[in-house]
Protein backbone atom coordinates (compact mmCIF):
# COMPACT_ATOMS: atom_id res chain seq x y z
CA UNK A 1 -16.25 2.07 7.76
CA UNK A 2 -13.05 0.29 8.81
CA UNK A 3 -11.98 0.07 5.17
CA UNK A 4 -12.54 3.77 4.58
CA UNK A 5 -10.58 4.68 7.72
CA UNK A 6 -7.58 2.62 6.60
CA UNK A 7 -7.70 4.13 3.10
CA UNK A 8 -8.06 7.71 4.35
CA UNK A 9 -5.26 7.18 6.86
CA UNK A 10 -2.83 6.22 4.10
CA UNK A 11 -3.84 9.17 1.91
CA UNK A 12 -3.34 11.61 4.80
CA UNK A 13 0.01 10.06 5.70
CA UNK A 14 1.25 10.49 2.15
CA UNK A 15 0.48 14.19 2.31
CA UNK A 16 2.69 14.69 5.37
CA UNK A 17 6.21 13.82 6.44
CA UNK A 18 7.24 11.46 9.24
CA UNK A 19 4.46 8.89 9.22
CA UNK A 20 4.31 5.14 9.44
CA UNK A 21 1.89 2.35 8.65
CA UNK A 22 0.18 1.09 11.78
CA UNK A 23 -1.41 -2.17 10.66
CA UNK A 24 -2.04 -4.71 7.96
CA UNK A 25 -5.17 -2.93 6.73
CA UNK A 26 -3.22 0.23 5.97
CA UNK A 27 -0.40 -1.84 4.47
CA UNK A 28 -2.77 -3.78 2.21
CA UNK A 29 -4.36 -0.62 0.80
CA UNK A 30 -0.97 1.10 0.43
CA UNK A 31 0.52 -1.91 -1.35
CA UNK A 32 -2.41 -2.14 -3.75
CA UNK A 33 -2.27 1.59 -4.45
CA UNK A 34 1.48 1.58 -5.01
CA UNK A 35 1.11 -1.41 -7.34
CA UNK A 36 -1.45 0.49 -9.37
CA UNK A 37 0.56 3.72 -9.48
CA UNK A 38 3.85 2.03 -10.36
CA UNK A 39 2.48 -0.59 -12.73
CA UNK A 40 4.31 -3.29 -10.76
CA UNK A 41 2.04 -6.34 -10.59
CA UNK A 42 1.42 -8.20 -7.37
CA UNK A 43 1.30 -12.00 -7.35
CA UNK A 44 -2.28 -13.21 -7.84
CA UNK A 45 -4.00 -15.49 -5.38
CA UNK A 46 -1.49 -14.81 -2.61
CA UNK A 47 -2.64 -14.01 0.93
CA UNK A 48 0.82 -13.72 2.49
CA UNK A 49 1.16 -9.96 2.93
CA UNK A 50 4.76 -10.15 4.09
CA UNK A 51 5.80 -12.08 0.99
CA UNK A 52 3.84 -9.78 -1.35
CA UNK A 53 5.35 -6.69 0.23
CA UNK A 54 8.89 -8.07 0.02
CA UNK A 55 8.42 -9.07 -3.64
CA UNK A 56 6.98 -5.67 -4.47
CA UNK A 57 9.81 -3.81 -2.73
CA UNK A 58 12.38 -5.91 -4.60
CA UNK A 59 10.72 -5.20 -7.97
CA UNK A 60 10.36 -1.49 -7.20
CA UNK A 61 14.03 -0.80 -6.50
CA UNK A 62 14.51 1.08 -9.79
CA UNK A 63 11.13 2.77 -9.74
CA UNK A 64 11.17 6.57 -9.85
CA UNK A 65 8.28 8.14 -7.96
CA UNK A 66 6.37 10.73 -9.96
CA UNK A 67 5.14 12.62 -6.91
CA UNK A 68 6.07 13.37 -3.35
CA UNK A 69 3.08 11.33 -2.18
CA UNK A 70 4.37 8.25 -4.03
CA UNK A 71 7.83 8.73 -2.54
CA UNK A 72 6.32 8.87 0.95
CA UNK A 73 4.14 5.85 0.22
CA UNK A 74 7.15 3.77 -0.84
CA UNK A 75 9.04 4.92 2.23
CA UNK A 76 6.34 3.92 4.70
CA UNK A 77 5.79 0.60 2.91
CA UNK A 78 9.49 -0.22 3.13
CA UNK A 79 9.53 0.52 6.86
CA UNK A 80 6.52 -1.68 7.73
CA UNK A 81 6.81 -5.30 8.91
CA UNK A 82 3.43 -6.97 8.38
CA UNK A 83 1.93 -10.04 9.93
CA UNK A 84 1.90 -12.78 7.33
CA UNK A 85 -1.75 -13.42 6.49
CA UNK A 86 -4.37 -11.18 4.96
CA UNK A 87 -7.92 -11.47 6.23
CA UNK A 88 -11.00 -10.75 4.13
CA UNK A 89 -11.06 -7.01 4.88
CA UNK A 90 -7.34 -6.62 4.17
CA UNK A 91 -7.88 -8.35 0.80
CA UNK A 92 -10.67 -5.87 0.05
CA UNK A 93 -8.32 -2.99 0.84
CA UNK A 94 -5.60 -4.45 -1.36
CA UNK A 95 -8.05 -4.68 -4.26
CA UNK A 96 -9.38 -1.17 -3.55
CA UNK A 97 -5.86 0.22 -3.74
CA UNK A 98 -5.25 -1.64 -7.01
CA UNK A 99 -8.31 -0.02 -8.59
CA UNK A 100 -8.09 3.42 -6.92
CA UNK A 101 -9.24 6.09 -9.36
CA UNK A 102 -8.64 9.17 -7.19
CA UNK A 103 -5.50 8.76 -5.10
CA UNK A 104 -4.64 11.61 -2.76
CA UNK A 105 -8.31 12.66 -2.38
CA UNK A 106 -10.36 12.05 0.75
């Protein structure tokens, strides 16, 4: 249930303006989803969320969002400052985002 709440929270936030990521679970799902949508690969075998996010943001500087939801997702990712380590549930959310088949649907 915790995983679904974090996923749904990110989807809802991308459909509205003026939102922010509230924790590492949301960040992990959002980062995985944005990686999938943008085609920008994340480093494999890494559990340092802060490092993964920084690397992704650096690689995504020239990326052009194809939707308003993606633009919002990039914006809230860039504004978040995660704790360093991913726990098991955060890793699950990261992987879920990377394989998401129906973004923007709850």
